[in-house]
Amino acid sequence: MDIIYNMRLVVSNNIMRMLLRWHLERIHQCCVCPMEMQCEFFRWSDEPAPTGDRETDEQNLIRHECIRLQESLNEIQQELDCERTEWGREKSELTSQLSTVQFELDALKKRIKMANESDLMPPLDKLSIADDKDDDALVLHTMKLWISMEE
């Protein structure tokens, strides 16, 4: 749960950083009158100039805002694609490392198992008593097992 929250937080921070950068790069226009006669005129320089017709101006502003938002969305999508590519690369590297470590762990488990089994085996001189025919089969079987473990 925390991982998902942190990922969302990183993405939202990236979006906020990009929007802030976009607003810092925008140029605005204010009233051109001297300071004592300033009105409250403010317009972003990349917005369409007013035409005088209120409905046309609103449509132009809406159209301009849609274009600006689409461009912003495209930039965000590109950043997200780059991050996904990076995450995919990191995931494949970690998966590769995991499989290597898992292989080494399995090899160590085998060696430990073989060492534990060899500690449980009786000494060879006790296995080589050949008074019974059944014992000979046991000795041969035990010797084969012992030899295969050493390989």
C-alpha atoms as a PDB file:
ATOM      1  CA  MET A   1       0.000   0.000   0.000  1.00  0.00           C
ATOM      2  CA  ASP A   2       2.823   2.404   0.904  1.00  0.00           C
ATOM      3  CA  ILE A   3       4.606   1.631  -2.373  1.00  0.00           C
ATOM      4  CA  ILE A   4       1.529   2.575  -4.409  1.00  0.00           C
ATOM      5  CA  TYR A   5       1.081   5.763  -2.364  1.00  0.00           C
ATOM      6  CA  ASN A   6       4.751   6.682  -2.805  1.00  0.00           C
ATOM      7  CA  MET A   7       4.557   6.032  -6.563  1.00  0.00           C
ATOM      8  CA  ARG A   8       1.469   8.252  -6.816  1.00  0.00           C
ATOM      9  CA  LEU A   9       3.225  10.904  -4.763  1.00  0.00           C
ATOM     10  CA  VAL A  10       6.264  10.812  -7.059  1.00  0.00           C
ATOM     11  CA  VAL A  11       4.066  11.082 -10.157  1.00  0.00           C
ATOM     12  CA  SER A  12       2.016  13.930  -8.662  1.00  0.00           C
ATOM     13  CA  ASN A  13       5.217  15.744  -7.622  1.00  0.00           C
ATOM     14  CA  ASN A  14       6.542  15.363 -11.164  1.00  0.00           C
ATOM     15  CA  ILE A  15       3.306  16.768 -12.572  1.00  0.00           C
ATOM     16  CA  MET A  16       3.382  19.714 -10.169  1.00  0.00           C
ATOM     17  CA  ARG A  17       7.037  20.385 -11.003  1.00  0.00           C
ATOM     18  CA  MET A  18       6.259  20.340 -14.717  1.00  0.00           C
ATOM     19  CA  LEU A  19       3.248  22.668 -14.347  1.00  0.00           C
ATOM     20  CA  LEU A  20       5.287  25.062 -12.231  1.00  0.00           C
ATOM     21  CA  ARG A  21       8.085  25.025 -14.816  1.00  0.00           C
ATOM     22  CA  TRP A  22       5.525  25.670 -17.573  1.00  0.00           C
ATOM     23  CA  HIS A  23       4.051  28.668 -15.706  1.00  0.00           C
ATOM     24  CA  LEU A  24       7.502  30.078 -14.985  1.00  0.00           C
ATOM     25  CA  GLU A  25       8.321  29.938 -18.694  1.00  0.00           C
ATOM     26  CA  ARG A  26       5.133  31.741 -19.673  1.00  0.00           C
ATOM     27  CA  ILE A  27       5.296  35.464 -20.296  1.00  0.00           C
ATOM     28  CA  HIS A  28       2.448  37.672 -19.137  1.00  0.00           C
ATOM     29  CA  GLN A  29       1.314  41.123 -20.136  1.00  0.00           C
ATOM     30  CA  CYS A  30       0.033  43.754 -17.765  1.00  0.00           C
ATOM     31  CA  CYS A  31      -1.452  47.186 -18.262  1.00  0.00           C
ATOM     32  CA  VAL A  32       0.921  49.418 -20.207  1.00  0.00           C
ATOM     33  CA  CYS A  33      -0.088  52.567 -18.326  1.00  0.00           C
ATOM     34  CA  PRO A  34       2.239  54.174 -15.748  1.00  0.00           C
ATOM     35  CA  MET A  35       2.126  52.684 -12.234  1.00  0.00           C
ATOM     36  CA  GLU A  36      -0.257  55.306 -10.809  1.00  0.00           C
ATOM     37  CA  MET A  37      -2.773  54.656 -13.617  1.00  0.00           C
ATOM     38  CA  GLN A  38      -2.505  50.856 -13.700  1.00  0.00           C
ATOM     39  CA  CYS A  39      -5.694  48.934 -14.244  1.00  0.00           C
ATOM     40  CA  GLU A  40      -6.135  45.256 -13.444  1.00  0.00           C
ATOM     41  CA  PHE A  41      -5.348  44.120 -16.955  1.00  0.00           C
ATOM     42  CA  PHE A  42      -3.508  40.831 -17.039  1.00  0.00           C
ATOM     43  CA  ARG A  43      -3.114  38.410 -19.926  1.00  0.00           C
ATOM     44  CA  TRP A  44      -0.744  35.600 -20.724  1.00  0.00           C
ATOM     45  CA  SER A  45       1.145  36.500 -23.874  1.00  0.00           C
ATOM     46  CA  ASP A  46       0.514  33.093 -25.438  1.00  0.00           C
ATOM     47  CA  GLU A  47      -3.267  33.468 -25.118  1.00  0.00           C
ATOM     48  CA  PRO A  48      -5.217  34.750 -28.124  1.00  0.00           C
ATOM     49  CA  ALA A  49      -5.772  38.500 -28.294  1.00  0.00           C
ATOM     50  CA  PRO A  50      -9.274  39.727 -27.490  1.00  0.00           C
ATOM     51  CA  THR A  51     -11.512  40.296 -30.507  1.00  0.00           C
ATOM     52  CA  GLY A  52     -14.139  42.436 -28.809  1.00  0.00           C
ATOM     53  CA  ASP A  53     -16.876  39.806 -29.170  1.00  0.00           C
ATOM     54  CA  ARG A  54     -17.379  38.150 -25.777  1.00  0.00           C
ATOM     55  CA  GLU A  55     -18.562  34.792 -27.152  1.00  0.00           C
ATOM     56  CA  THR A  56     -15.689  34.538 -29.651  1.00  0.00           C
ATOM     57  CA  ASP A  57     -13.172  35.511 -26.961  1.00  0.00           C
ATOM     58  CA  GLU A  58     -14.503  32.803 -24.630  1.00  0.00           C
ATOM     59  CA  GLN A  59     -14.373  30.196 -27.392  1.00  0.00           C
ATOM     60  CA  ASN A  60     -10.815  31.244 -28.284  1.00  0.00           C
ATOM     61  CA  LEU A  61      -9.753  31.034 -24.642  1.00  0.00           C
ATOM     62  CA  ILE A  62     -11.382  27.621 -24.237  1.00  0.00           C
ATOM     63  CA  ARG A  63      -9.781  26.376 -27.452  1.00  0.00           C
ATOM     64  CA  HIS A  64      -6.409  27.768 -26.392  1.00  0.00           C
ATOM     65  CA  GLU A  65      -6.724  26.209 -22.930  1.00  0.00           C
ATOM     66  CA  CYS A  66      -7.644  22.831 -24.473  1.00  0.00           C
ATOM     67  CA  ILE A  67      -4.586  22.985 -26.733  1.00  0.00           C
ATOM     68  CA  ARG A  68      -2.372  23.976 -23.808  1.00  0.00           C
ATOM     69  CA  LEU A  69      -3.754  21.177 -21.626  1.00  0.00           C
ATOM     70  CA  GLN A  70      -3.299  18.641 -24.444  1.00  0.00           C
ATOM     71  CA  GLU A  71       0.338  19.708 -24.844  1.00  0.00           C
ATOM     72  CA  SER A  72       0.814  19.448 -21.099  1.00  0.00           C
ATOM     73  CA  LEU A  73      -0.832  16.022 -21.109  1.00  0.00           C
ATOM     74  CA  ASN A  74       1.485  14.887 -23.909  1.00  0.00           C
ATOM     75  CA  GLU A  75       4.533  16.030 -21.932  1.00  0.00           C
ATOM     76  CA  ILE A  76       3.287  14.214 -18.835  1.00  0.00           C
ATOM     77  CA  GLN A  77       2.665  11.077 -20.908  1.00  0.00           C
ATOM     78  CA  GLN A  78       6.213  11.239 -22.299  1.00  0.00           C
ATOM     79  CA  GLU A  79       7.663  11.576 -18.799  1.00  0.00           C
ATOM     80  CA  LEU A  80       5.506   8.687 -17.608  1.00  0.00           C
ATOM     81  CA  ASP A  81       6.654   6.527 -20.524  1.00  0.00           C
ATOM     82  CA  CYS A  82      10.284   7.329 -19.700  1.00  0.00           C
ATOM     83  CA  GLU A  83       9.714   6.448 -16.045  1.00  0.00           C
ATOM     84  CA  ARG A  84       7.969   3.196 -17.005  1.00  0.00           C
ATOM     85  CA  THR A  85      10.891   2.306 -19.248  1.00  0.00           C
ATOM     86  CA  GLU A  86      13.301   3.013 -16.407  1.00  0.00           C
ATOM     87  CA  TRP A  87      11.180   1.011 -13.953  1.00  0.00           C
ATOM     88  CA  GLY A  88      11.024  -1.878 -16.439  1.00  0.00           C
ATOM     89  CA  ARG A  89      14.799  -1.817 -16.807  1.00  0.00           C
ATOM     90  CA  GLU A  90      15.257  -1.778 -13.032  1.00  0.00           C
ATOM     91  CA  LYS A  91      12.726  -4.591 -12.667  1.00  0.00           C
ATOM     92  CA  SER A  92      14.545  -6.778 -15.199  1.00  0.00           C
ATOM     93  CA  GLU A  93      17.903  -6.096 -13.502  1.00  0.00           C
ATOM     94  CA  LEU A  94      16.468  -6.961 -10.094  1.00  0.00           C
ATOM     95  CA  THR A  95      14.792 -10.080 -11.481  1.00  0.00           C
ATOM     96  CA  SER A  96      18.106 -11.166 -12.970  1.00  0.00           C
ATOM     97  CA  GLN A  97      19.870 -10.580  -9.668  1.00  0.00           C
ATOM     98  CA  LEU A  98      17.122 -12.467  -7.855  1.00  0.00           C
ATOM     99  CA  SER A  99      17.461 -15.502 -10.111  1.00  0.00           C
ATOM    100  CA  THR A 100      21.251 -15.477  -9.645  1.00  0.00           C
ATOM    101  CA  VAL A 101      20.911 -15.277  -5.872  1.00  0.00           C
ATOM    102  CA  GLN A 102      18.202 -17.962  -5.923  1.00  0.00           C
ATOM    103  CA  PHE A 103      20.497 -20.263  -7.943  1.00  0.00           C
ATOM    104  CA  GLU A 104      23.352 -19.682  -5.477  1.00  0.00           C
ATOM    105  CA  LEU A 105      21.002 -20.312  -2.551  1.00  0.00           C
ATOM    106  CA  ASP A 106      19.809 -23.583  -4.071  1.00  0.00           C
ATOM    107  CA  ALA A 107      23.430 -24.668  -4.614  1.00  0.00           C
ATOM    108  CA  LEU A 108      24.263 -23.853  -0.991  1.00  0.00           C
ATOM    109  CA  LYS A 109      21.217 -25.782   0.224  1.00  0.00           C
ATOM    110  CA  LYS A 110      22.349 -28.824  -1.783  1.00  0.00           C
ATOM    111  CA  ARG A 111      25.858 -28.606  -0.357  1.00  0.00           C
ATOM    112  CA  ILE A 112      24.513 -28.257   3.195  1.00  0.00           C
ATOM    113  CA  LYS A 113      22.169 -31.200   2.679  1.00  0.00           C
ATOM    114  CA  MET A 114      25.018 -33.334   1.317  1.00  0.00           C
ATOM    115  CA  ALA A 115      27.259 -32.331   4.233  1.00  0.00           C
ATOM    116  CA  ASN A 116      24.543 -33.160   6.759  1.00  0.00           C
ATOM    117  CA  GLU A 117      23.877 -36.521   5.127  1.00  0.00           C
ATOM    118  CA  SER A 118      27.584 -37.359   5.035  1.00  0.00           C
ATOM    119  CA  ASP A 119      27.850 -36.585   8.770  1.00  0.00           C
ATOM    120  CA  LEU A 120      25.069 -39.098   9.447  1.00  0.00           C
ATOM    121  CA  MET A 121      26.785 -41.901   7.520  1.00  0.00           C
ATOM    122  CA  PRO A 122      28.713 -44.421   9.578  1.00  0.00           C
ATOM    123  CA  PRO A 123      32.450 -44.780   8.930  1.00  0.00           C
ATOM    124  CA  LEU A 124      33.494 -46.889   5.929  1.00  0.00           C
ATOM    125  CA  ASP A 125      35.280 -49.565   7.998  1.00  0.00           C
ATOM    126  CA  LYS A 126      32.004 -50.467   9.765  1.00  0.00           C
ATOM    127  CA  LEU A 127      30.208 -50.780   6.403  1.00  0.00           C
ATOM    128  CA  SER A 128      32.750 -53.186   4.934  1.00  0.00           C
ATOM    129  CA  ILE A 129      31.937 -56.175   7.159  1.00  0.00           C
ATOM    130  CA  ALA A 130      31.023 -58.920   4.712  1.00  0.00           C
ATOM    131  CA  ASP A 131      29.610 -61.773   6.819  1.00  0.00           C
ATOM    132  CA  ASP A 132      26.144 -61.554   5.308  1.00  0.00           C
ATOM    133  CA  LYS A 133      25.097 -61.345   1.677  1.00  0.00           C
ATOM    134  CA  ASP A 134      22.459 -58.723   2.595  1.00  0.00           C
ATOM    135  CA  ASP A 135      25.163 -56.560   4.154  1.00  0.00           C
ATOM    136  CA  ASP A 136      27.149 -56.642   0.897  1.00  0.00           C
ATOM    137  CA  ALA A 137      24.219 -55.121  -0.991  1.00  0.00           C
ATOM    138  CA  LEU A 138      23.909 -52.425   1.664  1.00  0.00           C
ATOM    139  CA  VAL A 139      27.631 -51.693   1.506  1.00  0.00           C
ATOM    140  CA  LEU A 140      27.566 -51.407  -2.293  1.00  0.00           C
ATOM    141  CA  HIS A 141      24.511 -49.167  -2.215  1.00  0.00           C
ATOM    142  CA  THR A 142      26.038 -46.955   0.484  1.00  0.00           C
ATOM    143  CA  MET A 143      29.328 -46.720  -1.400  1.00  0.00           C
ATOM    144  CA  LYS A 144      27.530 -45.674  -4.593  1.00  0.00           C
ATOM    145  CA  LEU A 145      25.668 -42.981  -2.677  1.00  0.00           C
ATOM    146  CA  TRP A 146      28.890 -41.778  -1.048  1.00  0.00           C
ATOM    147  CA  ILE A 147      30.711 -41.601  -4.405  1.00  0.00           C
ATOM    148  CA  SER A 148      27.858 -39.758  -6.123  1.00  0.00           C
ATOM    149  CA  MET A 149      27.799 -37.163  -3.334  1.00  0.00           C
ATOM    150  CA  GLU A 150      31.472 -36.418  -3.737  1.00  0.00           C
ATOM    151  CA  GLU A 151      31.024 -35.693  -7.428  1.00  0.00           C
END
